[in-house]
Each structure stands twice: as structure tokens, then as C-alpha cells.
Amino acid sequence: SLADNDNVGSLFDSDSEDDNGNTGGRKRGKTVAEGLEVGMKAMSAGFHAVATAISSQQPPCLPTQPQHMEQFMEARFNSVIEQLQVQNQNLAALVELLRKD
């Protein structure tokens, strides 16, 4: 099994030597991992923000008059768009971070 293999540790150790005696770049590996972690947190925050915006806009009962319904829908639309823009900015930051590596 993979757990019984004595070389398992070296598979994940970026400072270990390859067949030519070269060591891996621990800094680069760590940077990419950190970038992915930042990206996952940003995406998670974006999804949570959208879910929060949607759930916080749910009134106990919907307005019955057309004018009130229109205002309600406009406010909800604006809130969701704002949260999607934040999520888009977070994803753009992730892409830039990953391109630098």
C-alpha cells in the first residue's frame, strides 16, 4: 500500500533531491499552495456572501402590491450583483497570484 512505502515522505518533500541531485524549490511549492489556499478562501467567502445576501433579503411575506414587489426585486438584484462583483474581484486576485508563480 502507499502508506507502507518508505518513499512517501520524499514524494511530498519539495527539498528532496531528484535523480540528478537537484533539490526542488520549496519556496515555489509553498507559494503555489498558499495561493491556492487564498483562492479557496476567497471563493468560499464569495459564495457565503452571495448566500448571506440572498437569505438576508427574504422577508417574512412578499409584498402584494406591484410597486412594492418591484422595489423589493430591485433591492435584491442590486444586493446579489454587489456580492457577485466582490466574488469576481476575489477570483481575479487569485488568477493574478497564480500567474506570478
PDB file of N, CA and C in Angstrom:
ATOM      1  N   SER A   1       0.840  -1.189   0.000  1.00  0.00           N
ATOM      2  CA  SER A   1       0.000   0.000   0.000  1.00  0.00           C
ATOM      3  C   SER A   1       0.876   1.240   0.000  1.00  0.00           C
ATOM      4  N   LEU A   2       0.293   2.376  -0.341  1.00  0.00           N
ATOM      5  CA  LEU A   2       1.037   3.630  -0.390  1.00  0.00           C
ATOM      6  C   LEU A   2       1.547   4.013   0.987  1.00  0.00           C
ATOM      7  N   ALA A   3       0.784   3.730   2.026  1.00  0.00           N
ATOM      8  CA  ALA A   3       1.190   4.087   3.383  1.00  0.00           C
ATOM      9  C   ALA A   3       2.416   3.289   3.827  1.00  0.00           C
ATOM     10  N   ASP A   4       2.625   2.087   3.261  1.00  0.00           N
ATOM     11  CA  ASP A   4       3.768   1.256   3.630  1.00  0.00           C
ATOM     12  C   ASP A   4       5.039   1.637   2.887  1.00  0.00           C
ATOM     13  N   ASN A   5       4.939   2.460   1.880  1.00  0.00           N
ATOM     14  CA  ASN A   5       6.080   2.840   1.054  1.00  0.00           C
ATOM     15  C   ASN A   5       6.984   3.797   1.818  1.00  0.00           C
ATOM     16  N   ASP A   6       8.286   3.466   1.918  1.00  0.00           N
ATOM     17  CA  ASP A   6       9.230   4.321   2.638  1.00  0.00           C
ATOM     18  C   ASP A   6       9.497   5.631   1.913  1.00  0.00           C
ATOM     19  N   ASN A   7       9.176   5.720   0.645  1.00  0.00           N
ATOM     20  CA  ASN A   7       9.457   6.929  -0.139  1.00  0.00           C
ATOM     21  C   ASN A   7       8.313   7.925  -0.132  1.00  0.00           C
ATOM     22  N   VAL A   8       7.241   7.625   0.578  1.00  0.00           N
ATOM     23  CA  VAL A   8       6.077   8.511   0.579  1.00  0.00           C
ATOM     24  C   VAL A   8       6.452   9.902   1.043  1.00  0.00           C
ATOM     25  N   GLY A   9       7.253  10.002   2.105  1.00  0.00           N
ATOM     26  CA  GLY A   9       7.654  11.314   2.615  1.00  0.00           C
ATOM     27  C   GLY A   9       8.385  12.130   1.578  1.00  0.00           C
ATOM     28  N   SER A  10       9.262  11.493   0.800  1.00  0.00           N
ATOM     29  CA  SER A  10      10.025  12.245  -0.190  1.00  0.00           C
ATOM     30  C   SER A  10       9.161  12.690  -1.362  1.00  0.00           C
ATOM     31  N   LEU A  11       8.037  12.025  -1.576  1.00  0.00           N
ATOM     32  CA  LEU A  11       7.144  12.459  -2.648  1.00  0.00           C
ATOM     33  C   LEU A  11       6.572  13.838  -2.365  1.00  0.00           C
ATOM     34  N   PHE A  12       6.392  14.140  -1.085  1.00  0.00           N
ATOM     35  CA  PHE A  12       5.783  15.403  -0.706  1.00  0.00           C
ATOM     36  C   PHE A  12       6.791  16.416  -0.198  1.00  0.00           C
ATOM     37  N   ASP A  13       8.046  16.047  -0.113  1.00  0.00           N
ATOM     38  CA  ASP A  13       9.092  16.941   0.388  1.00  0.00           C
ATOM     39  C   ASP A  13       9.728  17.649  -0.791  1.00  0.00           C
ATOM     40  N   SER A  14       9.456  18.923  -0.955  1.00  0.00           N
ATOM     41  CA  SER A  14       9.957  19.654  -2.116  1.00  0.00           C
ATOM     42  C   SER A  14      11.446  19.940  -2.020  1.00  0.00           C
ATOM     43  N   ASP A  15      12.081  19.712  -0.854  1.00  0.00           N
ATOM     44  CA  ASP A  15      13.519  19.927  -0.721  1.00  0.00           C
ATOM     45  C   ASP A  15      14.323  18.656  -0.988  1.00  0.00           C
ATOM     46  N   SER A  16      13.653  17.544  -1.252  1.00  0.00           N
ATOM     47  CA  SER A  16      14.384  16.308  -1.502  1.00  0.00           C
ATOM     48  C   SER A  16      15.027  16.366  -2.882  1.00  0.00           C
ATOM     49  N   GLU A  17      16.075  15.542  -3.077  1.00  0.00           N
ATOM     50  CA  GLU A  17      16.798  15.548  -4.343  1.00  0.00           C
ATOM     51  C   GLU A  17      16.111  14.634  -5.340  1.00  0.00           C
ATOM     52  N   ASP A  18      16.198  15.016  -6.626  1.00  0.00           N
ATOM     53  CA  ASP A  18      15.703  14.138  -7.671  1.00  0.00           C
ATOM     54  C   ASP A  18      16.846  13.225  -8.120  1.00  0.00           C
ATOM     55  N   ASP A  19      16.678  12.481  -9.214  1.00  0.00           N
ATOM     56  CA  ASP A  19      17.698  11.543  -9.683  1.00  0.00           C
ATOM     57  C   ASP A  19      18.990  12.234 -10.094  1.00  0.00           C
ATOM     58  N   ASN A  20      18.934  13.498 -10.464  1.00  0.00           N
ATOM     59  CA  ASN A  20      20.118  14.242 -10.892  1.00  0.00           C
ATOM     60  C   ASN A  20      20.764  15.023  -9.750  1.00  0.00           C
ATOM     61  N   GLY A  21      20.286  14.882  -8.543  1.00  0.00           N
ATOM     62  CA  GLY A  21      20.863  15.583  -7.406  1.00  0.00           C
ATOM     63  C   GLY A  21      20.339  16.994  -7.234  1.00  0.00           C
ATOM     64  N   ASN A  22      19.322  17.374  -7.988  1.00  0.00           N
ATOM     65  CA  ASN A  22      18.751  18.718  -7.869  1.00  0.00           C
ATOM     66  C   ASN A  22      17.699  18.729  -6.774  1.00  0.00           C
ATOM     67  N   THR A  23      17.682  19.799  -6.021  1.00  0.00           N
ATOM     68  CA  THR A  23      16.645  19.916  -4.997  1.00  0.00           C
ATOM     69  C   THR A  23      15.476  20.696  -5.551  1.00  0.00           C
ATOM     70  N   GLY A  24      14.294  20.347  -5.085  1.00  0.00           N
ATOM     71  CA  GLY A  24      13.087  21.049  -5.526  1.00  0.00           C
ATOM     72  C   GLY A  24      12.999  22.420  -4.893  1.00  0.00           C
ATOM     73  N   GLY A  25      12.219  23.277  -5.485  1.00  0.00           N
ATOM     74  CA  GLY A  25      12.051  24.627  -4.953  1.00  0.00           C
ATOM     75  C   GLY A  25      10.969  24.671  -3.905  1.00  0.00           C
ATOM     76  N   ARG A  26      11.330  24.594  -2.657  1.00  0.00           N
ATOM     77  CA  ARG A  26      10.341  24.606  -1.579  1.00  0.00           C
ATOM     78  C   ARG A  26       9.573  25.917  -1.583  1.00  0.00           C
ATOM     79  N   LYS A  27      10.257  27.016  -1.866  1.00  0.00           N
ATOM     80  CA  LYS A  27       9.586  28.313  -1.849  1.00  0.00           C
ATOM     81  C   LYS A  27       8.485  28.361  -2.903  1.00  0.00           C
ATOM     82  N   ARG A  28       8.782  27.901  -4.110  1.00  0.00           N
ATOM     83  CA  ARG A  28       7.774  27.922  -5.168  1.00  0.00           C
ATOM     84  C   ARG A  28       6.587  27.036  -4.797  1.00  0.00           C
ATOM     85  N   GLY A  29       6.861  25.850  -4.296  1.00  0.00           N
ATOM     86  CA  GLY A  29       5.779  24.948  -3.911  1.00  0.00           C
ATOM     87  C   GLY A  29       4.917  25.550  -2.822  1.00  0.00           C
ATOM     88  N   LYS A  30       5.544  26.191  -1.876  1.00  0.00           N
ATOM     89  CA  LYS A  30       4.804  26.807  -0.785  1.00  0.00           C
ATOM     90  C   LYS A  30       3.980  27.980  -1.303  1.00  0.00           C
ATOM     91  N   THR A  31       4.548  28.755  -2.218  1.00  0.00           N
ATOM     92  CA  THR A  31       3.840  29.911  -2.763  1.00  0.00           C
ATOM     93  C   THR A  31       2.585  29.479  -3.521  1.00  0.00           C
ATOM     94  N   VAL A  32       2.706  28.451  -4.332  1.00  0.00           N
ATOM     95  CA  VAL A  32       1.547  27.956  -5.080  1.00  0.00           C
ATOM     96  C   VAL A  32       0.494  27.427  -4.113  1.00  0.00           C
ATOM     97  N   ALA A  33       0.944  26.687  -3.101  1.00  0.00           N
ATOM     98  CA  ALA A  33      -0.007  26.156  -2.118  1.00  0.00           C
ATOM     99  C   ALA A  33      -0.706  27.288  -1.384  1.00  0.00           C
ATOM    100  N   GLU A  34       0.062  28.308  -1.011  1.00  0.00           N
ATOM    101  CA  GLU A  34      -0.546  29.453  -0.334  1.00  0.00           C
ATOM    102  C   GLU A  34      -1.522  30.164  -1.265  1.00  0.00           C
ATOM    103  N   GLY A  35      -1.171  30.267  -2.530  1.00  0.00           N
ATOM    104  CA  GLY A  35      -2.059  30.899  -3.496  1.00  0.00           C
ATOM    105  C   GLY A  35      -3.360  30.141  -3.642  1.00  0.00           C
ATOM    106  N   LEU A  36      -3.257  28.829  -3.689  1.00  0.00           N
ATOM    107  CA  LEU A  36      -4.472  28.018  -3.786  1.00  0.00           C
ATOM    108  C   LEU A  36      -5.320  28.153  -2.532  1.00  0.00           C
ATOM    109  N   GLU A  37      -4.662  28.210  -1.382  1.00  0.00           N
ATOM    110  CA  GLU A  37      -5.408  28.373  -0.132  1.00  0.00           C
ATOM    111  C   GLU A  37      -6.130  29.715  -0.112  1.00  0.00           C
ATOM    112  N   VAL A  38      -5.429  30.771  -0.536  1.00  0.00           N
ATOM    113  CA  VAL A  38      -6.046  32.099  -0.595  1.00  0.00           C
ATOM    114  C   VAL A  38      -7.224  32.076  -1.561  1.00  0.00           C
ATOM    115  N   GLY A  39      -7.030  31.436  -2.695  1.00  0.00           N
ATOM    116  CA  GLY A  39      -8.098  31.360  -3.684  1.00  0.00           C
ATOM    117  C   GLY A  39      -9.312  30.610  -3.191  1.00  0.00           C
ATOM    118  N   MET A  40      -9.084  29.501  -2.523  1.00  0.00           N
ATOM    119  CA  MET A  40     -10.203  28.731  -1.996  1.00  0.00           C
ATOM    120  C   MET A  40     -10.947  29.520  -0.926  1.00  0.00           C
ATOM    121  N   LYS A  41     -10.197  30.235  -0.086  1.00  0.00           N
ATOM    122  CA  LYS A  41     -10.846  31.057   0.937  1.00  0.00           C
ATOM    123  C   LYS A  41     -11.638  32.186   0.286  1.00  0.00           C
ATOM    124  N   ALA A  42     -11.079  32.780  -0.782  1.00  0.00           N
ATOM    125  CA  ALA A  42     -11.775  33.869  -1.470  1.00  0.00           C
ATOM    126  C   ALA A  42     -13.060  33.366  -2.114  1.00  0.00           C
ATOM    127  N   MET A  43     -12.981  32.198  -2.757  1.00  0.00           N
ATOM    128  CA  MET A  43     -14.174  31.636  -3.380  1.00  0.00           C
ATOM    129  C   MET A  43     -15.217  31.296  -2.323  1.00  0.00           C
ATOM    130  N   SER A  44     -14.768  30.718  -1.232  1.00  0.00           N
ATOM    131  CA  SER A  44     -15.687  30.372  -0.150  1.00  0.00           C
ATOM    132  C   SER A  44     -16.360  31.619   0.406  1.00  0.00           C
ATOM    133  N   ALA A  45     -15.553  32.658   0.619  1.00  0.00           N
ATOM    134  CA  ALA A  45     -16.112  33.915   1.131  1.00  0.00           C
ATOM    135  C   ALA A  45     -17.119  34.497   0.147  1.00  0.00           C
ATOM    136  N   GLY A  46     -16.821  34.397  -1.137  1.00  0.00           N
ATOM    137  CA  GLY A  46     -17.743  34.899  -2.151  1.00  0.00           C
ATOM    138  C   GLY A  46     -19.064  34.155  -2.147  1.00  0.00           C
ATOM    139  N   PHE A  47     -18.991  32.832  -2.087  1.00  0.00           N
ATOM    140  CA  PHE A  47     -20.216  32.035  -2.056  1.00  0.00           C
ATOM    141  C   PHE A  47     -21.027  32.312  -0.794  1.00  0.00           C
ATOM    142  N   HIS A  48     -20.329  32.436   0.336  1.00  0.00           N
ATOM    143  CA  HIS A  48     -21.035  32.739   1.584  1.00  0.00           C
ATOM    144  C   HIS A  48     -21.671  34.127   1.526  1.00  0.00           C
ATOM    145  N   ALA A  49     -20.976  35.075   0.894  1.00  0.00           N
ATOM    146  CA  ALA A  49     -21.520  36.430   0.785  1.00  0.00           C
ATOM    147  C   ALA A  49     -22.790  36.436  -0.059  1.00  0.00           C
ATOM    148  N   VAL A  50     -22.771  35.684  -1.162  1.00  0.00           N
ATOM    149  CA  VAL A  50     -23.964  35.605  -2.013  1.00  0.00           C
ATOM    150  C   VAL A  50     -25.104  34.938  -1.249  1.00  0.00           C
ATOM    151  N   ALA A  51     -24.804  33.846  -0.556  1.00  0.00           N
ATOM    152  CA  ALA A  51     -25.846  33.154   0.209  1.00  0.00           C
ATOM    153  C   ALA A  51     -26.412  34.050   1.306  1.00  0.00           C
ATOM    154  N   THR A  52     -25.543  34.804   1.962  1.00  0.00           N
ATOM    155  CA  THR A  52     -25.993  35.720   3.011  1.00  0.00           C
ATOM    156  C   THR A  52     -26.866  36.819   2.428  1.00  0.00           C
ATOM    157  N   ALA A  53     -26.445  37.352   1.279  1.00  0.00           N
ATOM    158  CA  ALA A  53     -27.230  38.414   0.643  1.00  0.00           C
ATOM    159  C   ALA A  53     -28.614  37.912   0.263  1.00  0.00           C
ATOM    160  N   ILE A  54     -28.667  36.708  -0.256  1.00  0.00           N
ATOM    161  CA  ILE A  54     -29.957  36.152  -0.663  1.00  0.00           C
ATOM    162  C   ILE A  54     -30.831  35.876   0.560  1.00  0.00           C
ATOM    163  N   SER A  55     -30.255  35.245   1.583  1.00  0.00           N
ATOM    164  CA  SER A  55     -31.071  34.893   2.747  1.00  0.00           C
ATOM    165  C   SER A  55     -31.487  36.118   3.556  1.00  0.00           C
ATOM    166  N   SER A  56     -30.641  37.151   3.598  1.00  0.00           N
ATOM    167  CA  SER A  56     -30.989  38.340   4.375  1.00  0.00           C
ATOM    168  C   SER A  56     -32.075  39.173   3.695  1.00  0.00           C
ATOM    169  N   GLN A  57     -32.285  38.944   2.418  1.00  0.00           N
ATOM    170  CA  GLN A  57     -33.299  39.696   1.688  1.00  0.00           C
ATOM    171  C   GLN A  57     -34.664  39.013   1.717  1.00  0.00           C
ATOM    172  N   GLN A  58     -34.777  37.892   2.359  1.00  0.00           N
ATOM    173  CA  GLN A  58     -36.035  37.155   2.388  1.00  0.00           C
ATOM    174  C   GLN A  58     -36.947  37.736   3.469  1.00  0.00           C
ATOM    175  N   PRO A  59     -37.993  38.432   3.090  1.00  0.00           N
ATOM    176  CA  PRO A  59     -38.919  38.979   4.086  1.00  0.00           C
ATOM    177  C   PRO A  59     -39.851  37.880   4.595  1.00  0.00           C
ATOM    178  N   PRO A  60     -40.523  38.117   5.719  1.00  0.00           N
ATOM    179  CA  PRO A  60     -41.460  37.117   6.226  1.00  0.00           C
ATOM    180  C   PRO A  60     -42.593  36.841   5.238  1.00  0.00           C
ATOM    181  N   CYS A  61     -43.018  37.871   4.527  1.00  0.00           N
ATOM    182  CA  CYS A  61     -44.014  37.670   3.478  1.00  0.00           C
ATOM    183  C   CYS A  61     -43.697  38.641   2.341  1.00  0.00           C
ATOM    184  N   LEU A  62     -43.963  38.224   1.128  1.00  0.00           N
ATOM    185  CA  LEU A  62     -43.671  39.068  -0.030  1.00  0.00           C
ATOM    186  C   LEU A  62     -44.697  40.191  -0.140  1.00  0.00           C
ATOM    187  N   PRO A  63     -44.264  41.357  -0.600  1.00  0.00           N
ATOM    188  CA  PRO A  63     -45.214  42.455  -0.796  1.00  0.00           C
ATOM    189  C   PRO A  63     -46.257  42.073  -1.842  1.00  0.00           C
ATOM    190  N   THR A  64     -47.464  42.541  -1.634  1.00  0.00           N
ATOM    191  CA  THR A  64     -48.547  42.163  -2.545  1.00  0.00           C
ATOM    192  C   THR A  64     -48.791  43.203  -3.628  1.00  0.00           C
ATOM    193  N   GLN A  65     -48.432  44.450  -3.386  1.00  0.00           N
ATOM    194  CA  GLN A  65     -48.657  45.480  -4.396  1.00  0.00           C
ATOM    195  C   GLN A  65     -47.510  45.456  -5.412  1.00  0.00           C
ATOM    196  N   PRO A  66     -47.827  45.625  -6.696  1.00  0.00           N
ATOM    197  CA  PRO A  66     -46.797  45.567  -7.742  1.00  0.00           C
ATOM    198  C   PRO A  66     -45.641  46.548  -7.516  1.00  0.00           C
ATOM    199  N   GLN A  67     -45.930  47.755  -7.042  1.00  0.00           N
ATOM    200  CA  GLN A  67     -44.874  48.738  -6.831  1.00  0.00           C
ATOM    201  C   GLN A  67     -43.898  48.261  -5.745  1.00  0.00           C
ATOM    202  N   HIS A  68     -44.434  47.717  -4.669  1.00  0.00           N
ATOM    203  CA  HIS A  68     -43.578  47.208  -3.598  1.00  0.00           C
ATOM    204  C   HIS A  68     -42.768  45.996  -4.070  1.00  0.00           C
ATOM    205  N   MET A  69     -43.395  45.161  -4.874  1.00  0.00           N
ATOM    206  CA  MET A  69     -42.697  43.987  -5.406  1.00  0.00           C
ATOM    207  C   MET A  69     -41.538  44.427  -6.296  1.00  0.00           C
ATOM    208  N   GLU A  70     -41.754  45.432  -7.109  1.00  0.00           N
ATOM    209  CA  GLU A  70     -40.701  45.938  -7.992  1.00  0.00           C
ATOM    210  C   GLU A  70     -39.532  46.491  -7.174  1.00  0.00           C
ATOM    211  N   GLN A  71     -39.826  47.246  -6.131  1.00  0.00           N
ATOM    212  CA  GLN A  71     -38.771  47.793  -5.270  1.00  0.00           C
ATOM    213  C   GLN A  71     -38.015  46.670  -4.560  1.00  0.00           C
ATOM    214  N   PHE A  72     -38.758  45.692  -4.093  1.00  0.00           N
ATOM    215  CA  PHE A  72     -38.140  44.548  -3.420  1.00  0.00           C
ATOM    216  C   PHE A  72     -37.198  43.804  -4.367  1.00  0.00           C
ATOM    217  N   MET A  73     -37.665  43.533  -5.575  1.00  0.00           N
ATOM    218  CA  MET A  73     -36.850  42.802  -6.545  1.00  0.00           C
ATOM    219  C   MET A  73     -35.624  43.613  -6.959  1.00  0.00           C
ATOM    220  N   GLU A  74     -35.780  44.905  -7.118  1.00  0.00           N
ATOM    221  CA  GLU A  74     -34.651  45.770  -7.480  1.00  0.00           C
ATOM    222  C   GLU A  74     -33.587  45.765  -6.374  1.00  0.00           C
ATOM    223  N   ALA A  75     -34.015  45.871  -5.126  1.00  0.00           N
ATOM    224  CA  ALA A  75     -33.075  45.857  -3.997  1.00  0.00           C
ATOM    225  C   ALA A  75     -32.355  44.514  -3.903  1.00  0.00           C
ATOM    226  N   ARG A  76     -33.098  43.456  -4.094  1.00  0.00           N
ATOM    227  CA  ARG A  76     -32.486  42.120  -4.030  1.00  0.00           C
ATOM    228  C   ARG A  76     -31.505  41.921  -5.175  1.00  0.00           C
ATOM    229  N   PHE A  77     -31.873  42.349  -6.370  1.00  0.00           N
ATOM    230  CA  PHE A  77     -30.993  42.244  -7.534  1.00  0.00           C
ATOM    231  C   PHE A  77     -29.696  43.011  -7.287  1.00  0.00           C
ATOM    232  N   ASN A  78     -29.810  44.238  -6.793  1.00  0.00           N
ATOM    233  CA  ASN A  78     -28.616  45.055  -6.537  1.00  0.00           C
ATOM    234  C   ASN A  78     -27.706  44.407  -5.500  1.00  0.00           C
ATOM    235  N   SER A  79     -28.290  43.829  -4.483  1.00  0.00           N
ATOM    236  CA  SER A  79     -27.508  43.167  -3.438  1.00  0.00           C
ATOM    237  C   SER A  79     -26.753  41.960  -3.991  1.00  0.00           C
ATOM    238  N   VAL A  80     -27.422  41.150  -4.775  1.00  0.00           N
ATOM    239  CA  VAL A  80     -26.779  39.967  -5.352  1.00  0.00           C
ATOM    240  C   VAL A  80     -25.685  40.379  -6.329  1.00  0.00           C
ATOM    241  N   ILE A  81     -25.933  41.387  -7.152  1.00  0.00           N
ATOM    242  CA  ILE A  81     -24.919  41.869  -8.097  1.00  0.00           C
ATOM    243  C   ILE A  81     -23.689  42.367  -7.346  1.00  0.00           C
ATOM    244  N   GLU A  82     -23.897  43.087  -6.271  1.00  0.00           N
ATOM    245  CA  GLU A  82     -22.771  43.595  -5.475  1.00  0.00           C
ATOM    246  C   GLU A  82     -21.929  42.441  -4.928  1.00  0.00           C
ATOM    247  N   GLN A  83     -22.587  41.416  -4.425  1.00  0.00           N
ATOM    248  CA  GLN A  83     -21.857  40.269  -3.884  1.00  0.00           C
ATOM    249  C   GLN A  83     -21.124  39.501  -4.987  1.00  0.00           C
ATOM    250  N   LEU A  84     -21.716  39.395  -6.153  1.00  0.00           N
ATOM    251  CA  LEU A  84     -21.047  38.726  -7.270  1.00  0.00           C
ATOM    252  C   LEU A  84     -19.822  39.512  -7.726  1.00  0.00           C
ATOM    253  N   GLN A  85     -19.888  40.836  -7.677  1.00  0.00           N
ATOM    254  CA  GLN A  85     -18.731  41.654  -8.033  1.00  0.00           C
ATOM    255  C   GLN A  85     -17.584  41.428  -7.055  1.00  0.00           C
ATOM    256  N   VAL A  86     -17.897  41.309  -5.773  1.00  0.00           N
ATOM    257  CA  VAL A  86     -16.866  41.017  -4.767  1.00  0.00           C
ATOM    258  C   VAL A  86     -16.236  39.658  -5.056  1.00  0.00           C
ATOM    259  N   GLN A  87     -17.061  38.679  -5.356  1.00  0.00           N
ATOM    260  CA  GLN A  87     -16.551  37.346  -5.664  1.00  0.00           C
ATOM    261  C   GLN A  87     -15.678  37.391  -6.916  1.00  0.00           C
ATOM    262  N   ASN A  88     -16.081  38.139  -7.922  1.00  0.00           N
ATOM    263  CA  ASN A  88     -15.310  38.267  -9.153  1.00  0.00           C
ATOM    264  C   ASN A  88     -13.950  38.902  -8.876  1.00  0.00           C
ATOM    265  N   GLN A  89     -13.917  39.923  -8.027  1.00  0.00           N
ATOM    266  CA  GLN A  89     -12.648  40.563  -7.664  1.00  0.00           C
ATOM    267  C   GLN A  89     -11.739  39.579  -6.931  1.00  0.00           C
ATOM    268  N   ASN A  90     -12.308  38.781  -6.054  1.00  0.00           N
ATOM    269  CA  ASN A  90     -11.517  37.778  -5.327  1.00  0.00           C
ATOM    270  C   ASN A  90     -10.925  36.744  -6.282  1.00  0.00           C
ATOM    271  N   LEU A  91     -11.711  36.306  -7.247  1.00  0.00           N
ATOM    272  CA  LEU A  91     -11.210  35.335  -8.217  1.00  0.00           C
ATOM    273  C   LEU A  91     -10.143  35.951  -9.113  1.00  0.00           C
ATOM    274  N   ALA A  92     -10.302  37.221  -9.484  1.00  0.00           N
ATOM    275  CA  ALA A  92      -9.290  37.902 -10.292  1.00  0.00           C
ATOM    276  C   ALA A  92      -7.977  38.006  -9.526  1.00  0.00           C
ATOM    277  N   ALA A  93      -8.053  38.274  -8.235  1.00  0.00           N
ATOM    278  CA  ALA A  93      -6.846  38.339  -7.402  1.00  0.00           C
ATOM    279  C   ALA A  93      -6.165  36.973  -7.346  1.00  0.00           C
ATOM    280  N   LEU A  94      -6.950  35.913  -7.271  1.00  0.00           N
ATOM    281  CA  LEU A  94      -6.393  34.566  -7.264  1.00  0.00           C
ATOM    282  C   LEU A  94      -5.673  34.273  -8.578  1.00  0.00           C
ATOM    283  N   VAL A  95      -6.287  34.614  -9.694  1.00  0.00           N
ATOM    284  CA  VAL A  95      -5.673  34.375 -11.000  1.00  0.00           C
ATOM    285  C   VAL A  95      -4.346  35.114 -11.105  1.00  0.00           C
ATOM    286  N   GLU A  96      -4.308  36.366 -10.679  1.00  0.00           N
ATOM    287  CA  GLU A  96      -3.067  37.143 -10.711  1.00  0.00           C
ATOM    288  C   GLU A  96      -1.997  36.498  -9.846  1.00  0.00           C
ATOM    289  N   LEU A  97      -2.378  36.040  -8.669  1.00  0.00           N
ATOM    290  CA  LEU A  97      -1.428  35.404  -7.766  1.00  0.00           C
ATOM    291  C   LEU A  97      -0.859  34.137  -8.389  1.00  0.00           C
ATOM    292  N   LEU A  98      -1.702  33.347  -9.010  1.00  0.00           N
ATOM    293  CA  LEU A  98      -1.241  32.103  -9.627  1.00  0.00           C
ATOM    294  C   LEU A  98      -0.392  32.366 -10.863  1.00  0.00           C
ATOM    295  N   ARG A  99      -0.648  33.427 -11.594  1.00  0.00           N
ATOM    296  CA  ARG A  99       0.165  33.765 -12.771  1.00  0.00           C
ATOM    297  C   ARG A  99       1.566  34.213 -12.379  1.00  0.00           C
ATOM    298  N   LYS A 100       1.714  34.820 -11.210  1.00  0.00           N
ATOM    299  CA  LYS A 100       3.029  35.269 -10.751  1.00  0.00           C
ATOM    300  C   LYS A 100       3.949  34.092 -10.473  1.00  0.00           C
ATOM    301  N   ASP A 101       3.373  32.968 -10.125  1.00  0.00           N
ATOM    302  CA  ASP A 101       4.181  31.784  -9.821  1.00  0.00           C
ATOM    303  C   ASP A 101       4.514  31.071 -11.104  1.00  0.00           C
TER     304      ASP A 101
END
